[in-house]
């Protein structure tokens, strides 16, 4: 099982990630991705879905047209783990 990051580890990871922030009411991180159109948003989600399956670690997300809102947390650990940071980095790279 993945271990929850310490406050210092999470703060350091957030400094390295682009525009990810803490969720106010729980131990999770979030980001909103905006794309040119629905097709680009869906292509992003498809690539991330394949990576999430490979990692066996799945995001919480919501999509409307060209916007994808993502929340990451490791439920088994009760908060953010290295798995979430890895997936966040992959999403940033994939979004461009």
PDB file of N, CA and C in Angstrom:
ATOM      1  N   UNK A   1       0.830  -1.180   0.000  1.00  0.00           N
ATOM      2  CA  UNK A   1       0.000   0.000   0.000  1.00  0.00           C
ATOM      3  C   UNK A   1       0.881   1.253   0.000  1.00  0.00           C
ATOM      4  N   UNK A   2       0.464   2.249  -0.759  1.00  0.00           N
ATOM      5  CA  UNK A   2       1.193   3.513  -0.817  1.00  0.00           C
ATOM      6  C   UNK A   2       1.016   4.270   0.496  1.00  0.00           C
ATOM      7  N   UNK A   3       2.054   5.001   0.882  1.00  0.00           N
ATOM      8  CA  UNK A   3       2.001   5.769   2.117  1.00  0.00           C
ATOM      9  C   UNK A   3       1.674   7.229   1.839  1.00  0.00           C
ATOM     10  N   UNK A   4       0.857   7.792   2.685  1.00  0.00           N
ATOM     11  CA  UNK A   4       0.481   9.197   2.587  1.00  0.00           C
ATOM     12  C   UNK A   4       1.727  10.068   2.724  1.00  0.00           C
ATOM     13  N   UNK A   5       1.825  11.095   1.891  1.00  0.00           N
ATOM     14  CA  UNK A   5       2.963  12.006   1.960  1.00  0.00           C
ATOM     15  C   UNK A   5       2.883  12.864   3.212  1.00  0.00           C
ATOM     16  N   UNK A   6       4.042  13.196   3.754  1.00  0.00           N
ATOM     17  CA  UNK A   6       4.095  14.133   4.872  1.00  0.00           C
ATOM     18  C   UNK A   6       3.761  15.532   4.348  1.00  0.00           C
ATOM     19  N   UNK A   7       3.493  16.453   5.251  1.00  0.00           N
ATOM     20  CA  UNK A   7       3.219  17.837   4.852  1.00  0.00           C
ATOM     21  C   UNK A   7       4.376  18.401   4.028  1.00  0.00           C
ATOM     22  N   UNK A   8       5.601  18.157   4.480  1.00  0.00           N
ATOM     23  CA  UNK A   8       6.774  18.677   3.778  1.00  0.00           C
ATOM     24  C   UNK A   8       6.895  18.058   2.384  1.00  0.00           C
ATOM     25  N   UNK A   9       6.659  16.757   2.289  1.00  0.00           N
ATOM     26  CA  UNK A   9       6.729  16.088   0.988  1.00  0.00           C
ATOM     27  C   UNK A   9       5.659  16.609   0.034  1.00  0.00           C
ATOM     28  N   UNK A  10       4.459  16.787   0.545  1.00  0.00           N
ATOM     29  CA  UNK A  10       3.376  17.286  -0.292  1.00  0.00           C
ATOM     30  C   UNK A  10       3.640  18.726  -0.728  1.00  0.00           C
ATOM     31  N   UNK A  11       4.086  19.561   0.186  1.00  0.00           N
ATOM     32  CA  UNK A  11       4.408  20.945  -0.166  1.00  0.00           C
ATOM     33  C   UNK A  11       5.506  21.007  -1.227  1.00  0.00           C
ATOM     34  N   UNK A  12       6.531  20.170  -1.088  1.00  0.00           N
ATOM     35  CA  UNK A  12       7.605  20.130  -2.081  1.00  0.00           C
ATOM     36  C   UNK A  12       7.107  19.682  -3.432  1.00  0.00           C
ATOM     37  N   UNK A  13       6.242  18.676  -3.454  1.00  0.00           N
ATOM     38  CA  UNK A  13       5.692  18.182  -4.713  1.00  0.00           C
ATOM     39  C   UNK A  13       4.828  19.242  -5.387  1.00  0.00           C
ATOM     40  N   UNK A  14       4.023  19.951  -4.606  1.00  0.00           N
ATOM     41  CA  UNK A  14       3.168  20.995  -5.180  1.00  0.00           C
ATOM     42  C   UNK A  14       3.976  22.141  -5.763  1.00  0.00           C
ATOM     43  N   UNK A  15       5.136  22.420  -5.183  1.00  0.00           N
ATOM     44  CA  UNK A  15       6.010  23.459  -5.738  1.00  0.00           C
ATOM     45  C   UNK A  15       6.531  23.066  -7.113  1.00  0.00           C
ATOM     46  N   UNK A  16       6.699  21.761  -7.352  1.00  0.00           N
ATOM     47  CA  UNK A  16       7.227  21.272  -8.624  1.00  0.00           C
ATOM     48  C   UNK A  16       6.139  21.070  -9.686  1.00  0.00           C
ATOM     49  N   UNK A  17       4.889  20.934  -9.259  1.00  0.00           N
ATOM     50  CA  UNK A  17       3.786  20.716 -10.193  1.00  0.00           C
ATOM     51  C   UNK A  17       3.235  22.057 -10.673  1.00  0.00           C
ATOM     52  N   UNK A  18       2.642  22.040 -11.852  1.00  0.00           N
ATOM     53  CA  UNK A  18       2.116  23.260 -12.458  1.00  0.00           C
ATOM     54  C   UNK A  18       0.628  23.442 -12.140  1.00  0.00           C
ATOM     55  N   UNK A  19       0.320  24.402 -11.286  1.00  0.00           N
ATOM     56  CA  UNK A  19      -1.060  24.817 -10.985  1.00  0.00           C
ATOM     57  C   UNK A  19      -1.904  23.795 -10.237  1.00  0.00           C
ATOM     58  N   UNK A  20      -1.305  22.798  -9.621  1.00  0.00           N
ATOM     59  CA  UNK A  20      -2.051  21.879  -8.758  1.00  0.00           C
ATOM     60  C   UNK A  20      -2.182  22.536  -7.394  1.00  0.00           C
ATOM     61  N   UNK A  21      -3.336  22.389  -6.770  1.00  0.00           N
ATOM     62  CA  UNK A  21      -3.582  22.969  -5.453  1.00  0.00           C
ATOM     63  C   UNK A  21      -4.226  21.940  -4.539  1.00  0.00           C
ATOM     64  N   UNK A  22      -4.209  22.228  -3.254  1.00  0.00           N
ATOM     65  CA  UNK A  22      -4.867  21.360  -2.277  1.00  0.00           C
ATOM     66  C   UNK A  22      -6.384  21.562  -2.346  1.00  0.00           C
ATOM     67  N   UNK A  23      -7.091  20.492  -2.107  1.00  0.00           N
ATOM     68  CA  UNK A  23      -8.548  20.569  -1.979  1.00  0.00           C
ATOM     69  C   UNK A  23      -8.848  21.062  -0.569  1.00  0.00           C
ATOM     70  N   UNK A  24      -9.771  21.999  -0.438  1.00  0.00           N
ATOM     71  CA  UNK A  24     -10.051  22.614   0.858  1.00  0.00           C
ATOM     72  C   UNK A  24     -10.566  21.642   1.914  1.00  0.00           C
ATOM     73  N   UNK A  25     -11.462  20.759   1.548  1.00  0.00           N
ATOM     74  CA  UNK A  25     -12.150  19.970   2.569  1.00  0.00           C
ATOM     75  C   UNK A  25     -11.675  18.531   2.705  1.00  0.00           C
ATOM     76  N   UNK A  26     -10.546  18.206   2.078  1.00  0.00           N
ATOM     77  CA  UNK A  26     -10.006  16.846   2.219  1.00  0.00           C
ATOM     78  C   UNK A  26      -8.549  16.807   1.814  1.00  0.00           C
ATOM     79  N   UNK A  27      -7.873  15.713   2.127  1.00  0.00           N
ATOM     80  CA  UNK A  27      -6.457  15.562   1.796  1.00  0.00           C
ATOM     81  C   UNK A  27      -6.354  15.043   0.367  1.00  0.00           C
ATOM     82  N   UNK A  28      -6.371  15.988  -0.582  1.00  0.00           N
ATOM     83  CA  UNK A  28      -6.320  15.675  -2.009  1.00  0.00           C
ATOM     84  C   UNK A  28      -5.769  16.892  -2.742  1.00  0.00           C
ATOM     85  N   UNK A  29      -5.409  16.697  -4.002  1.00  0.00           N
ATOM     86  CA  UNK A  29      -4.963  17.806  -4.844  1.00  0.00           C
ATOM     87  C   UNK A  29      -5.872  17.877  -6.060  1.00  0.00           C
ATOM     88  N   UNK A  30      -5.936  19.072  -6.664  1.00  0.00           N
ATOM     89  CA  UNK A  30      -6.828  19.256  -7.794  1.00  0.00           C
ATOM     90  C   UNK A  30      -6.238  20.217  -8.818  1.00  0.00           C
ATOM     91  N   UNK A  31      -6.772  20.088 -10.031  1.00  0.00           N
ATOM     92  CA  UNK A  31      -6.380  20.988 -11.116  1.00  0.00           C
ATOM     93  C   UNK A  31      -7.466  20.955 -12.173  1.00  0.00           C
ATOM     94  N   UNK A  32      -7.661  22.084 -12.834  1.00  0.00           N
ATOM     95  CA  UNK A  32      -8.582  22.160 -13.960  1.00  0.00           C
ATOM     96  C   UNK A  32      -7.767  22.343 -15.227  1.00  0.00           C
ATOM     97  N   UNK A  33      -7.986  21.454 -16.182  1.00  0.00           N
ATOM     98  CA  UNK A  33      -7.338  21.517 -17.485  1.00  0.00           C
ATOM     99  C   UNK A  33      -8.332  22.071 -18.498  1.00  0.00           C
ATOM    100  N   UNK A  34      -7.876  22.986 -19.339  1.00  0.00           N
ATOM    101  CA  UNK A  34      -8.723  23.547 -20.391  1.00  0.00           C
ATOM    102  C   UNK A  34      -8.079  23.256 -21.740  1.00  0.00           C
ATOM    103  N   UNK A  35      -8.902  22.810 -22.671  1.00  0.00           N
ATOM    104  CA  UNK A  35      -8.442  22.447 -24.004  1.00  0.00           C
ATOM    105  C   UNK A  35      -9.188  23.258 -25.053  1.00  0.00           C
ATOM    106  N   UNK A  36      -8.769  23.139 -26.281  1.00  0.00           N
ATOM    107  CA  UNK A  36      -9.384  23.903 -27.359  1.00  0.00           C
ATOM    108  C   UNK A  36     -10.788  23.463 -27.706  1.00  0.00           C
ATOM    109  N   UNK A  37     -11.061  22.191 -27.489  1.00  0.00           N
ATOM    110  CA  UNK A  37     -12.381  21.660 -27.818  1.00  0.00           C
ATOM    111  C   UNK A  37     -12.592  20.324 -27.113  1.00  0.00           C
ATOM    112  N   UNK A  38     -13.771  19.755 -27.313  1.00  0.00           N
ATOM    113  CA  UNK A  38     -14.107  18.495 -26.667  1.00  0.00           C
ATOM    114  C   UNK A  38     -13.191  17.367 -27.113  1.00  0.00           C
ATOM    115  N   UNK A  39     -12.857  17.327 -28.393  1.00  0.00           N
ATOM    116  CA  UNK A  39     -12.010  16.255 -28.908  1.00  0.00           C
ATOM    117  C   UNK A  39     -10.652  16.246 -28.219  1.00  0.00           C
ATOM    118  N   UNK A  40     -10.064  17.409 -28.012  1.00  0.00           N
ATOM    119  CA  UNK A  40      -8.766  17.499 -27.332  1.00  0.00           C
ATOM    120  C   UNK A  40      -8.887  17.077 -25.868  1.00  0.00           C
ATOM    121  N   UNK A  41      -9.964  17.480 -25.203  1.00  0.00           N
ATOM    122  CA  UNK A  41     -10.181  17.082 -23.810  1.00  0.00           C
ATOM    123  C   UNK A  41     -10.351  15.572 -23.708  1.00  0.00           C
ATOM    124  N   UNK A  42     -11.110  15.003 -24.630  1.00  0.00           N
ATOM    125  CA  UNK A  42     -11.352  13.566 -24.603  1.00  0.00           C
ATOM    126  C   UNK A  42     -10.083  12.784 -24.919  1.00  0.00           C
ATOM    127  N   UNK A  43      -9.254  13.292 -25.830  1.00  0.00           N
ATOM    128  CA  UNK A  43      -7.973  12.638 -26.143  1.00  0.00           C
ATOM    129  C   UNK A  43      -7.080  12.627 -24.901  1.00  0.00           C
ATOM    130  N   UNK A  44      -7.055  13.730 -24.176  1.00  0.00           N
ATOM    131  CA  UNK A  44      -6.301  13.816 -22.922  1.00  0.00           C
ATOM    132  C   UNK A  44      -6.797  12.757 -21.943  1.00  0.00           C
ATOM    133  N   UNK A  45      -8.107  12.680 -21.771  1.00  0.00           N
ATOM    134  CA  UNK A  45      -8.679  11.724 -20.829  1.00  0.00           C
ATOM    135  C   UNK A  45      -8.372  10.288 -21.244  1.00  0.00           C
ATOM    136  N   UNK A  46      -8.370  10.021 -22.525  1.00  0.00           N
ATOM    137  CA  UNK A  46      -8.064   8.675 -23.021  1.00  0.00           C
ATOM    138  C   UNK A  46      -6.627   8.281 -22.685  1.00  0.00           C
ATOM    139  N   UNK A  47      -5.693   9.202 -22.899  1.00  0.00           N
ATOM    140  CA  UNK A  47      -4.283   8.926 -22.579  1.00  0.00           C
ATOM    141  C   UNK A  47      -4.086   8.729 -21.071  1.00  0.00           C
ATOM    142  N   UNK A  48      -4.739   9.574 -20.292  1.00  0.00           N
ATOM    143  CA  UNK A  48      -4.618   9.465 -18.837  1.00  0.00           C
ATOM    144  C   UNK A  48      -5.271   8.173 -18.344  1.00  0.00           C
ATOM    145  N   UNK A  49      -6.385   7.791 -18.950  1.00  0.00           N
ATOM    146  CA  UNK A  49      -7.063   6.555 -18.547  1.00  0.00           C
ATOM    147  C   UNK A  49      -6.155   5.347 -18.749  1.00  0.00           C
ATOM    148  N   UNK A  50      -5.421   5.313 -19.859  1.00  0.00           N
ATOM    149  CA  UNK A  50      -4.503   4.199 -20.126  1.00  0.00           C
ATOM    150  C   UNK A  50      -3.399   4.157 -19.073  1.00  0.00           C
ATOM    151  N   UNK A  51      -2.857   5.325 -18.730  1.00  0.00           N
ATOM    152  CA  UNK A  51      -1.811   5.395 -17.701  1.00  0.00           C
ATOM    153  C   UNK A  51      -2.374   4.992 -16.335  1.00  0.00           C
ATOM    154  N   UNK A  52      -3.567   5.449 -16.023  1.00  0.00           N
ATOM    155  CA  UNK A  52      -4.192   5.116 -14.740  1.00  0.00           C
ATOM    156  C   UNK A  52      -4.414   3.613 -14.619  1.00  0.00           C
ATOM    157  N   UNK A  53      -4.835   2.980 -15.694  1.00  0.00           N
ATOM    158  CA  UNK A  53      -5.015   1.529 -15.687  1.00  0.00           C
ATOM    159  C   UNK A  53      -3.682   0.827 -15.460  1.00  0.00           C
ATOM    160  N   UNK A  54      -2.642   1.302 -16.135  1.00  0.00           N
ATOM    161  CA  UNK A  54      -1.292   0.735 -15.981  1.00  0.00           C
ATOM    162  C   UNK A  54      -0.825   0.842 -14.535  1.00  0.00           C
ATOM    163  N   UNK A  55      -1.137   1.968 -13.895  1.00  0.00           N
ATOM    164  CA  UNK A  55      -0.734   2.210 -12.509  1.00  0.00           C
ATOM    165  C   UNK A  55      -1.700   1.583 -11.500  1.00  0.00           C
ATOM    166  N   UNK A  56      -2.878   1.188 -11.973  1.00  0.00           N
ATOM    167  CA  UNK A  56      -3.970   0.759 -11.091  1.00  0.00           C
ATOM    168  C   UNK A  56      -4.261   1.846 -10.048  1.00  0.00           C
ATOM    169  N   UNK A  57      -4.317   3.083 -10.555  1.00  0.00           N
ATOM    170  CA  UNK A  57      -4.557   4.250  -9.705  1.00  0.00           C
ATOM    171  C   UNK A  57      -5.378   5.240 -10.520  1.00  0.00           C
ATOM    172  N   UNK A  58      -6.615   5.458 -10.127  1.00  0.00           N
ATOM    173  CA  UNK A  58      -7.558   6.161 -10.987  1.00  0.00           C
ATOM    174  C   UNK A  58      -7.965   7.518 -10.430  1.00  0.00           C
ATOM    175  N   UNK A  59      -8.046   8.514 -11.313  1.00  0.00           N
ATOM    176  CA  UNK A  59      -8.416   9.857 -10.876  1.00  0.00           C
ATOM    177  C   UNK A  59      -9.920   9.998 -10.667  1.00  0.00           C
ATOM    178  N   UNK A  60     -10.271  11.000  -9.906  1.00  0.00           N
ATOM    179  CA  UNK A  60     -11.653  11.474  -9.870  1.00  0.00           C
ATOM    180  C   UNK A  60     -11.663  12.627 -10.867  1.00  0.00           C
ATOM    181  N   UNK A  61     -12.582  12.586 -11.828  1.00  0.00           N
ATOM    182  CA  UNK A  61     -12.601  13.695 -12.779  1.00  0.00           C
ATOM    183  C   UNK A  61     -13.984  13.974 -13.298  1.00  0.00           C
ATOM    184  N   UNK A  62     -14.113  15.174 -13.845  1.00  0.00           N
ATOM    185  CA  UNK A  62     -15.385  15.656 -14.341  1.00  0.00           C
ATOM    186  C   UNK A  62     -15.085  16.413 -15.621  1.00  0.00           C
ATOM    187  N   UNK A  63     -15.833  16.116 -16.669  1.00  0.00           N
ATOM    188  CA  UNK A  63     -15.589  16.733 -17.972  1.00  0.00           C
ATOM    189  C   UNK A  63     -16.851  17.394 -18.498  1.00  0.00           C
ATOM    190  N   UNK A  64     -16.703  18.644 -18.917  1.00  0.00           N
ATOM    191  CA  UNK A  64     -17.735  19.334 -19.682  1.00  0.00           C
ATOM    192  C   UNK A  64     -17.028  20.005 -20.847  1.00  0.00           C
ATOM    193  N   UNK A  65     -17.405  19.593 -22.043  1.00  0.00           N
ATOM    194  CA  UNK A  65     -16.858  20.096 -23.293  1.00  0.00           C
ATOM    195  C   UNK A  65     -15.323  20.126 -23.261  1.00  0.00           C
ATOM    196  N   UNK A  66     -14.721  21.293 -23.149  1.00  0.00           N
ATOM    197  CA  UNK A  66     -13.262  21.385 -23.259  1.00  0.00           C
ATOM    198  C   UNK A  66     -12.550  21.470 -21.910  1.00  0.00           C
ATOM    199  N   UNK A  67     -13.273  21.273 -20.828  1.00  0.00           N
ATOM    200  CA  UNK A  67     -12.710  21.393 -19.485  1.00  0.00           C
ATOM    201  C   UNK A  67     -12.727  20.041 -18.778  1.00  0.00           C
ATOM    202  N   UNK A  68     -11.587  19.715 -18.141  1.00  0.00           N
ATOM    203  CA  UNK A  68     -11.484  18.498 -17.341  1.00  0.00           C
ATOM    204  C   UNK A  68     -11.008  18.902 -15.952  1.00  0.00           C
ATOM    205  N   UNK A  69     -11.850  18.674 -14.949  1.00  0.00           N
ATOM    206  CA  UNK A  69     -11.504  18.946 -13.556  1.00  0.00           C
ATOM    207  C   UNK A  69     -11.050  17.638 -12.926  1.00  0.00           C
ATOM    208  N   UNK A  70      -9.874  17.656 -12.307  1.00  0.00           N
ATOM    209  CA  UNK A  70      -9.277  16.439 -11.759  1.00  0.00           C
ATOM    210  C   UNK A  70      -9.018  16.603 -10.260  1.00  0.00           C
ATOM    211  N   UNK A  71      -9.331  15.557  -9.510  1.00  0.00           N
ATOM    212  CA  UNK A  71      -8.964  15.468  -8.096  1.00  0.00           C
ATOM    213  C   UNK A  71      -8.202  14.171  -7.908  1.00  0.00           C
ATOM    214  N   UNK A  72      -7.060  14.250  -7.214  1.00  0.00           N
ATOM    215  CA  UNK A  72      -6.239  13.071  -6.957  1.00  0.00           C
ATOM    216  C   UNK A  72      -6.041  12.867  -5.466  1.00  0.00           C
ATOM    217  N   UNK A  73      -6.255  11.642  -5.024  1.00  0.00           N
ATOM    218  CA  UNK A  73      -5.989  11.204  -3.657  1.00  0.00           C
ATOM    219  C   UNK A  73      -5.944   9.681  -3.684  1.00  0.00           C
ATOM    220  N   UNK A  74      -5.212   9.112  -2.760  1.00  0.00           N
ATOM    221  CA  UNK A  74      -5.155   7.655  -2.639  1.00  0.00           C
ATOM    222  C   UNK A  74      -6.053   7.267  -1.482  1.00  0.00           C
ATOM    223  N   UNK A  75      -7.217   6.738  -1.805  1.00  0.00           N
ATOM    224  CA  UNK A  75      -8.228   6.465  -0.782  1.00  0.00           C
ATOM    225  C   UNK A  75      -7.721   5.495   0.282  1.00  0.00           C
ATOM    226  N   UNK A  76      -6.975   4.463  -0.123  1.00  0.00           N
ATOM    227  CA  UNK A  76      -6.456   3.475   0.827  1.00  0.00           C
ATOM    228  C   UNK A  76      -5.526   4.104   1.868  1.00  0.00           C
ATOM    229  N   UNK A  77      -4.805   5.160   1.454  1.00  0.00           N
ATOM    230  CA  UNK A  77      -3.849   5.807   2.350  1.00  0.00           C
ATOM    231  C   UNK A  77      -4.463   6.990   3.092  1.00  0.00           C
ATOM    232  N   UNK A  78      -5.649   7.400   2.694  1.00  0.00           N
ATOM    233  CA  UNK A  78      -6.296   8.523   3.351  1.00  0.00           C
ATOM    234  C   UNK A  78      -5.743   9.874   2.980  1.00  0.00           C
ATOM    235  N   UNK A  79      -5.134   9.967   1.795  1.00  0.00           N
ATOM    236  CA  UNK A  79      -4.593  11.256   1.364  1.00  0.00           C
ATOM    237  C   UNK A  79      -3.724  11.117   0.135  1.00  0.00           C
ATOM    238  N   UNK A  80      -2.898  12.105  -0.076  1.00  0.00           N
ATOM    239  CA  UNK A  80      -2.046  12.172  -1.266  1.00  0.00           C
ATOM    240  C   UNK A  80      -0.795  11.321  -1.060  1.00  0.00           C
ATOM    241  N   UNK A  81      -0.481  10.506  -2.063  1.00  0.00           N
ATOM    242  CA  UNK A  81       0.717   9.658  -2.043  1.00  0.00           C
ATOM    243  C   UNK A  81       1.557   9.932  -3.282  1.00  0.00           C
ATOM    244  N   UNK A  82       2.675   9.244  -3.374  1.00  0.00           N
ATOM    245  CA  UNK A  82       3.540   9.354  -4.546  1.00  0.00           C
ATOM    246  C   UNK A  82       2.802   8.948  -5.824  1.00  0.00           C
ATOM    247  N   UNK A  83       1.834   8.047  -5.724  1.00  0.00           N
ATOM    248  CA  UNK A  83       1.044   7.661  -6.895  1.00  0.00           C
ATOM    249  C   UNK A  83       0.311   8.865  -7.472  1.00  0.00           C
ATOM    250  N   UNK A  84      -0.238   9.697  -6.622  1.00  0.00           N
ATOM    251  CA  UNK A  84      -0.955  10.884  -7.071  1.00  0.00           C
ATOM    252  C   UNK A  84      -0.018  11.876  -7.747  1.00  0.00           C
ATOM    253  N   UNK A  85       1.156  12.036  -7.180  1.00  0.00           N
ATOM    254  CA  UNK A  85       2.130  12.967  -7.759  1.00  0.00           C
ATOM    255  C   UNK A  85       2.595  12.459  -9.115  1.00  0.00           C
ATOM    256  N   UNK A  86       2.836  11.167  -9.229  1.00  0.00           N
ATOM    257  CA  UNK A  86       3.232  10.583 -10.513  1.00  0.00           C
ATOM    258  C   UNK A  86       2.147  10.787 -11.559  1.00  0.00           C
ATOM    259  N   UNK A  87       0.907  10.554 -11.198  1.00  0.00           N
ATOM    260  CA  UNK A  87      -0.190  10.732 -12.145  1.00  0.00           C
ATOM    261  C   UNK A  87      -0.374  12.215 -12.487  1.00  0.00           C
ATOM    262  N   UNK A  88      -0.213  13.094 -11.535  1.00  0.00           N
ATOM    263  CA  UNK A  88      -0.315  14.532 -11.796  1.00  0.00           C
ATOM    264  C   UNK A  88       0.749  14.975 -12.791  1.00  0.00           C
ATOM    265  N   UNK A  89       1.982  14.498 -12.610  1.00  0.00           N
ATOM    266  CA  UNK A  89       3.061  14.840 -13.543  1.00  0.00           C
ATOM    267  C   UNK A  89       2.743  14.338 -14.957  1.00  0.00           C
ATOM    268  N   UNK A  90       2.225  13.107 -15.032  1.00  0.00           N
ATOM    269  CA  UNK A  90       1.858  12.548 -16.324  1.00  0.00           C
ATOM    270  C   UNK A  90       0.765  13.392 -16.978  1.00  0.00           C
ATOM    271  N   UNK A  91      -0.209  13.827 -16.200  1.00  0.00           N
ATOM    272  CA  UNK A  91      -1.285  14.658 -16.758  1.00  0.00           C
ATOM    273  C   UNK A  91      -0.728  15.978 -17.275  1.00  0.00           C
ATOM    274  N   UNK A  92       0.172  16.604 -16.517  1.00  0.00           N
ATOM    275  CA  UNK A  92       0.772  17.862 -16.961  1.00  0.00           C
ATOM    276  C   UNK A  92       1.530  17.665 -18.271  1.00  0.00           C
ATOM    277  N   UNK A  93       2.320  16.608 -18.362  1.00  0.00           N
ATOM    278  CA  UNK A  93       3.078  16.321 -19.581  1.00  0.00           C
ATOM    279  C   UNK A  93       2.146  16.056 -20.758  1.00  0.00           C
ATOM    280  N   UNK A  94       1.083  15.298 -20.505  1.00  0.00           N
ATOM    281  CA  UNK A  94       0.145  14.939 -21.554  1.00  0.00           C
ATOM    282  C   UNK A  94      -0.637  16.147 -22.053  1.00  0.00           C
ATOM    283  N   UNK A  95      -1.002  17.036 -21.143  1.00  0.00           N
ATOM    284  CA  UNK A  95      -1.762  18.233 -21.521  1.00  0.00           C
ATOM    285  C   UNK A  95      -0.911  19.216 -22.307  1.00  0.00           C
ATOM    286  N   UNK A  96       0.421  19.115 -22.103  1.00  0.00           N
ATOM    287  CA  UNK A  96       1.324  20.002 -22.832  1.00  0.00           C
ATOM    288  C   UNK A  96       1.507  21.293 -22.192  1.00  0.00           C
TER     289      UNK A  96
END
